[in-house]
Amino acid sequence: MKKKGKSIKRRIGRVGIYLGVILLLLWTFAPLLWMFYSSICEKSELLTGGPVVWPENVTFYRYREFFSSIIKVFRGGRIASTSEVFIHSIFNSFKVAAVTTGISLLIGGMAAYAFARLRFRGSNMLMILALFIQLLPTVSLVIPLYETVSRLGMIDRIVTLVVLYLGMVMAYAIWVLHGYFKSIPPDLEDAARIDGCNYFQAFLRIIVPLAKPGYVAVGTLVFLMCWDEFLYALIFMNSKETTTLTVALSQFSTTHGGIDYGMLMAGGCIATLIPLLLAIFFQKYIVLGLTAGGVKD
């Protein structure tokens, strides 16, 4: 009887786990499915009809318009329509996110290594200060940053976003890489220094190859943070040439001032592809990089 009772409890527990997983998947993918559904519906069906399993009149003209906009933007044509602004904004967001990620990994990696291996006065205070900066609300920095950037004449420049995003993600990169470097045995660097390497050479030849999962994890998450940022991009960028993805998504409107929900949903599907592919491709490295720093020798 006891064995039967335990087996019943186990089965009930498994059923509960499966139901929880199914509910979580529905909660996660339902908005994405609805976004794709809305992007292939006719406008009349989207605004008047109720939700169905599959739209009666499937159309992909919105995606064709985006594809033609890609060709025009690549050829260097004048940016005029909303779809062209959106495609150009994807390139802007990619450039800003890629440059910010590269610089943050370069500088943040060296800073994290210094905090993890070197002992100097005020190191703990500097780490706490970096964490404090990371905890500051973004909106509280907007006014002083805008005053500074405006006086420097850097409003509406892509490089301004790179500098602002570096201040936003640098502390995060330092803290995560610091934890990962602490998990690497220092004996490897000691052996390298015995063979004639200095700290910087040991860092490049020993630590960086071993820390590849940590770099990939931090780089991917930093890229996504920059990719999804909205407030700074909205305030500091004013023209169509410097608009980023998140701002362009909020500007899908018709000639009569209404919102073109179909184009908005199609743009959302296209904008989701890059972070989705990054998450799928680097999934193993992200998990390994974020969990390795939690074990200390």
Protein backbone atom coordinates (compact mmCIF):
# COMPACT_ATOMS: atom_id res chain seq x y z
CA MET A 1 0.00 0.00 0.00
CA LYS A 2 2.81 2.40 0.86
CA LYS A 3 4.54 1.70 -2.45
CA LYS A 4 1.29 2.32 -4.36
CA GLY A 5 0.78 5.58 -2.46
CA LYS A 6 4.29 6.75 -3.30
CA SER A 7 3.89 5.86 -6.98
CA ILE A 8 0.59 7.77 -7.14
CA LYS A 9 2.22 10.82 -5.55
CA ARG A 10 5.08 10.61 -8.05
CA ARG A 11 2.66 10.43 -10.97
CA ILE A 12 0.68 13.39 -9.64
CA GLY A 13 3.93 15.30 -9.20
CA ARG A 14 4.99 14.54 -12.78
CA VAL A 15 1.59 15.58 -14.11
CA GLY A 16 1.89 18.84 -12.17
CA ILE A 17 5.36 19.47 -13.59
CA TYR A 18 4.17 18.80 -17.15
CA LEU A 19 1.17 21.10 -16.71
CA GLY A 20 3.42 23.81 -15.33
CA VAL A 21 5.80 23.46 -18.29
CA ILE A 22 2.89 23.61 -20.76
CA LEU A 23 1.46 26.73 -19.09
CA LEU A 24 4.90 28.36 -19.11
CA LEU A 25 5.35 27.61 -22.81
CA LEU A 26 1.90 29.01 -23.60
CA TRP A 27 2.64 32.12 -21.55
CA THR A 28 5.95 32.57 -23.40
CA PHE A 29 4.97 31.78 -26.99
CA ALA A 30 1.38 33.05 -27.11
CA PRO A 31 2.42 36.70 -27.68
CA LEU A 32 4.88 35.63 -30.40
CA LEU A 33 2.25 33.51 -32.16
CA TRP A 34 -0.29 36.33 -31.95
CA MET A 35 2.30 38.75 -33.36
CA PHE A 36 2.93 36.49 -36.37
CA TYR A 37 -0.80 35.89 -36.83
CA SER A 38 -1.44 39.64 -36.87
CA SER A 39 1.37 40.21 -39.38
CA ILE A 40 -0.20 37.93 -42.03
CA CYS A 41 -3.82 39.07 -41.59
CA GLU A 42 -5.61 41.49 -43.85
CA LYS A 43 -6.17 44.84 -42.19
CA SER A 44 -9.96 44.49 -42.19
CA GLU A 45 -9.80 41.03 -40.62
CA LEU A 46 -7.27 42.18 -38.05
CA LEU A 47 -9.39 45.11 -36.86
CA THR A 48 -12.89 43.59 -37.05
CA GLY A 49 -12.57 39.83 -36.84
CA GLY A 50 -12.04 37.77 -33.71
CA PRO A 51 -9.06 35.45 -33.17
CA VAL A 52 -9.16 32.23 -35.20
CA VAL A 53 -6.76 29.34 -35.67
CA TRP A 54 -5.66 30.62 -39.11
CA PRO A 55 -6.64 33.82 -40.94
CA GLU A 56 -9.01 33.49 -43.89
CA ASN A 57 -6.91 35.68 -46.20
CA VAL A 58 -3.21 35.13 -45.59
CA THR A 59 -0.99 37.89 -46.94
CA PHE A 60 2.75 38.45 -46.86
CA TYR A 61 2.80 41.84 -48.57
CA ARG A 62 4.14 43.49 -45.42
CA TYR A 63 7.21 41.25 -45.47
CA ARG A 64 7.66 41.93 -49.21
CA GLU A 65 7.60 45.66 -48.45
CA PHE A 66 10.27 45.19 -45.80
CA PHE A 67 12.38 43.18 -48.24
CA SER A 68 12.14 45.89 -50.91
CA SER A 69 13.11 48.44 -48.24
CA ILE A 70 16.22 46.40 -47.42
CA ILE A 71 17.31 46.58 -51.06
CA LYS A 72 16.71 50.34 -51.21
CA VAL A 73 18.58 51.01 -47.97
CA PHE A 74 21.53 48.90 -49.16
CA ARG A 75 21.65 50.88 -52.40
CA GLY A 76 21.83 54.11 -50.44
CA GLY A 77 18.46 55.54 -51.44
CA ARG A 78 16.76 58.35 -49.58
CA ILE A 79 14.94 57.06 -46.50
CA ALA A 80 11.29 58.06 -46.85
CA SER A 81 8.69 55.43 -45.93
CA THR A 82 8.12 53.97 -42.48
CA SER A 83 9.35 50.53 -43.56
CA GLU A 84 12.59 52.05 -44.88
CA VAL A 85 13.13 53.88 -41.60
CA PHE A 86 12.54 50.59 -39.79
CA ILE A 87 15.08 48.65 -41.88
CA HIS A 88 17.64 51.44 -41.49
CA SER A 89 16.98 51.44 -37.74
CA ILE A 90 17.86 47.72 -37.59
CA PHE A 91 21.26 48.50 -39.08
CA ASN A 92 21.71 51.35 -36.58
CA SER A 93 20.80 49.14 -33.64
CA PHE A 94 23.11 46.39 -34.84
CA LYS A 95 26.03 48.79 -35.24
CA VAL A 96 25.49 50.37 -31.82
CA ALA A 97 25.01 47.03 -30.06
CA ALA A 98 27.99 45.37 -31.79
CA VAL A 99 30.43 48.23 -31.12
CA THR A 100 29.25 48.59 -27.52
CA THR A 101 29.59 44.85 -26.95
CA GLY A 102 33.11 44.74 -28.39
CA ILE A 103 34.36 47.69 -26.33
CA SER A 104 32.70 46.46 -23.12
CA LEU A 105 34.28 43.01 -23.50
CA LEU A 106 37.71 44.51 -24.21
CA ILE A 107 37.79 47.05 -21.38
CA GLY A 108 35.49 45.20 -19.01
CA GLY A 109 37.46 41.98 -19.41
CA MET A 110 40.75 43.63 -18.48
CA ALA A 111 39.14 45.48 -15.56
CA ALA A 112 37.50 42.29 -14.29
CA TYR A 113 40.81 40.42 -14.50
CA ALA A 114 42.54 43.17 -12.53
CA PHE A 115 39.88 43.02 -9.81
CA ALA A 116 40.02 39.22 -9.71
CA ARG A 117 43.80 38.78 -9.57
CA LEU A 118 45.49 41.98 -8.44
CA ARG A 119 45.42 43.37 -4.92
CA PHE A 120 45.48 47.15 -4.72
CA ARG A 121 44.12 49.78 -2.39
CA GLY A 122 40.45 50.58 -2.93
CA SER A 123 39.67 47.59 -5.17
CA ASN A 124 36.67 46.49 -3.10
CA MET A 125 35.35 50.06 -2.97
CA LEU A 126 35.63 50.37 -6.74
CA MET A 127 33.71 47.14 -7.25
CA ILE A 128 30.96 48.36 -4.94
CA LEU A 129 30.92 51.69 -6.78
CA ALA A 130 30.51 49.87 -10.10
CA LEU A 131 27.58 47.92 -8.66
CA PHE A 132 26.05 51.13 -7.29
CA ILE A 133 26.22 52.74 -10.74
CA GLN A 134 24.51 49.69 -12.21
CA LEU A 135 21.68 50.00 -9.68
CA LEU A 136 20.93 53.64 -10.48
CA PRO A 137 17.59 54.09 -12.33
CA THR A 138 18.20 55.01 -15.95
CA VAL A 139 15.56 57.75 -15.89
CA SER A 140 17.34 59.57 -13.05
CA LEU A 141 20.40 60.11 -15.30
CA VAL A 142 18.55 61.40 -18.36
CA ILE A 143 18.53 65.13 -17.50
CA PRO A 144 22.23 65.47 -16.49
CA LEU A 145 23.31 63.31 -19.42
CA TYR A 146 21.23 65.34 -21.85
CA GLU A 147 22.71 68.59 -20.55
CA THR A 148 26.23 67.21 -20.93
CA VAL A 149 25.68 65.72 -24.38
CA SER A 150 23.92 68.86 -25.60
CA ARG A 151 26.78 71.13 -24.52
CA LEU A 152 29.24 68.86 -26.30
CA GLY A 153 27.19 69.05 -29.50
CA MET A 154 26.72 65.28 -29.61
CA ILE A 155 22.93 65.09 -29.88
CA ASP A 156 21.66 62.88 -32.72
CA ARG A 157 24.94 61.01 -33.25
CA ILE A 158 25.33 57.24 -33.21
CA VAL A 159 28.58 57.47 -31.27
CA THR A 160 26.66 59.15 -28.45
CA LEU A 161 24.54 56.04 -27.97
CA VAL A 162 27.66 53.88 -27.89
CA VAL A 163 29.14 55.99 -25.08
CA LEU A 164 25.87 56.04 -23.14
CA TYR A 165 25.36 52.31 -23.49
CA LEU A 166 28.93 51.65 -22.35
CA GLY A 167 28.15 53.45 -19.11
CA MET A 168 25.03 51.32 -18.79
CA VAL A 169 26.57 47.86 -19.39
CA MET A 170 30.20 48.19 -18.31
CA ALA A 171 29.52 47.48 -14.63
CA TYR A 172 27.50 44.40 -15.57
CA ALA A 173 30.32 43.07 -17.77
CA ILE A 174 32.90 43.65 -15.04
CA TRP A 175 30.89 41.92 -12.34
CA VAL A 176 30.00 38.82 -14.37
CA LEU A 177 33.50 38.37 -15.83
CA HIS A 178 35.02 38.99 -12.40
CA GLY A 179 33.06 36.03 -11.02
CA TYR A 180 34.11 33.88 -13.97
CA PHE A 181 37.81 34.77 -13.64
CA LYS A 182 37.67 33.91 -9.93
CA SER A 183 36.57 30.39 -10.87
CA ILE A 184 39.71 29.81 -13.00
CA PRO A 185 42.59 28.33 -10.92
CA PRO A 186 45.41 30.89 -10.52
CA ASP A 187 48.00 28.08 -10.77
CA LEU A 188 47.69 28.26 -14.56
CA GLU A 189 48.80 31.90 -14.57
CA ASP A 190 51.58 31.16 -12.08
CA ALA A 191 52.92 28.51 -14.44
CA ALA A 192 52.76 30.98 -17.34
CA ARG A 193 54.63 33.64 -15.35
CA ILE A 194 57.31 31.08 -14.45
CA ASP A 195 57.76 30.56 -18.20
CA GLY A 196 58.35 34.30 -18.65
CA CYS A 197 54.88 35.77 -19.20
CA ASN A 198 53.84 38.98 -17.49
CA TYR A 199 50.30 39.60 -16.21
CA PHE A 200 49.03 40.89 -19.55
CA GLN A 201 50.54 38.02 -21.56
CA ALA A 202 49.14 35.47 -19.12
CA PHE A 203 45.76 37.14 -19.47
CA LEU A 204 45.82 36.99 -23.28
CA ARG A 205 47.31 33.52 -23.69
CA ILE A 206 45.83 31.64 -20.75
CA ILE A 207 42.78 33.39 -19.29
CA VAL A 208 41.04 34.65 -22.44
CA PRO A 209 40.92 31.20 -24.17
CA LEU A 210 39.71 29.55 -20.96
CA ALA A 211 37.13 32.30 -20.38
CA LYS A 212 35.54 31.96 -23.83
CA PRO A 213 32.15 30.79 -22.43
CA GLY A 214 32.10 33.73 -20.04
CA TYR A 215 32.92 36.21 -22.80
CA VAL A 216 30.25 34.76 -25.08
CA ALA A 217 27.63 34.84 -22.32
CA VAL A 218 28.40 38.42 -21.31
CA GLY A 219 28.71 39.56 -24.92
CA THR A 220 25.36 38.05 -25.87
CA LEU A 221 23.52 39.55 -22.91
CA VAL A 222 25.18 42.96 -23.37
CA PHE A 223 24.23 42.91 -27.06
CA LEU A 224 20.61 42.16 -26.17
CA MET A 225 20.56 44.90 -23.53
CA CYS A 226 21.70 47.44 -26.12
CA TRP A 227 19.37 45.99 -28.75
CA ASP A 228 16.30 46.44 -26.51
CA GLU A 229 17.15 49.86 -25.02
CA PHE A 230 14.50 52.51 -25.70
CA LEU A 231 14.78 55.55 -23.42
CA TYR A 232 18.22 56.86 -24.42
CA ALA A 233 17.55 56.13 -28.09
CA LEU A 234 14.30 58.08 -27.95
CA ILE A 235 15.73 61.14 -26.19
CA PHE A 236 19.18 61.51 -27.76
CA MET A 237 18.38 60.52 -31.38
CA ASN A 238 16.07 62.81 -33.38
CA SER A 239 16.41 62.10 -37.11
CA LYS A 240 15.41 59.19 -39.36
CA GLU A 241 19.07 58.47 -40.10
CA THR A 242 19.88 57.79 -36.42
CA THR A 243 16.65 56.12 -35.30
CA THR A 244 17.14 52.75 -33.60
CA LEU A 245 14.95 49.70 -33.72
CA THR A 246 12.95 50.17 -30.54
CA VAL A 247 12.08 53.76 -31.45
CA ALA A 248 11.17 52.83 -35.03
CA LEU A 249 8.75 50.18 -33.77
CA SER A 250 6.86 52.85 -31.86
CA GLN A 251 6.49 55.02 -34.97
CA PHE A 252 4.46 52.75 -37.27
CA SER A 253 1.58 55.03 -38.25
CA THR A 254 -0.65 55.50 -41.27
CA THR A 255 -1.06 58.62 -43.37
CA HIS A 256 -4.18 59.48 -41.37
CA GLY A 257 -2.41 59.35 -38.02
CA GLY A 258 -3.57 55.89 -36.92
CA ILE A 259 -1.37 52.94 -36.02
CA ASP A 260 -0.67 50.35 -38.70
CA TYR A 261 -0.92 47.28 -36.47
CA GLY A 262 -0.13 44.83 -39.25
CA MET A 263 3.15 46.53 -40.15
CA LEU A 264 3.92 46.91 -36.45
CA MET A 265 3.52 43.17 -35.89
CA ALA A 266 5.53 42.30 -39.01
CA GLY A 267 8.30 44.60 -37.86
CA GLY A 268 8.19 42.99 -34.43
CA CYS A 269 8.62 39.54 -35.99
CA ILE A 270 11.63 40.71 -38.00
CA ALA A 271 13.13 42.46 -34.98
CA THR A 272 12.78 39.29 -32.91
CA LEU A 273 14.82 37.17 -35.33
CA ILE A 274 18.28 38.48 -34.39
CA PRO A 275 17.99 38.05 -30.58
CA LEU A 276 16.24 34.71 -31.11
CA LEU A 277 19.04 33.40 -33.32
CA LEU A 278 21.65 34.68 -30.85
CA ALA A 279 19.94 32.93 -27.95
CA ILE A 280 19.65 29.65 -29.87
CA PHE A 281 23.17 29.69 -31.28
CA PHE A 282 24.93 30.69 -28.04
CA GLN A 283 22.61 28.90 -25.60
CA LYS A 284 25.26 26.45 -24.41
CA TYR A 285 27.84 29.18 -23.86
CA ILE A 286 25.37 31.45 -22.07
CA VAL A 287 24.42 28.76 -19.54
CA LEU A 288 28.02 27.63 -19.06
CA GLY A 289 29.34 31.17 -18.77
CA LEU A 290 26.79 32.29 -16.20
CA THR A 291 26.98 29.18 -14.02
CA ALA A 292 30.76 28.67 -14.00
CA GLY A 293 31.36 31.80 -11.94
CA GLY A 294 29.12 30.53 -9.18
CA VAL A 295 31.62 27.83 -8.10
CA LYS A 296 34.69 28.98 -6.23
CA ASP A 297 37.75 26.86 -5.52
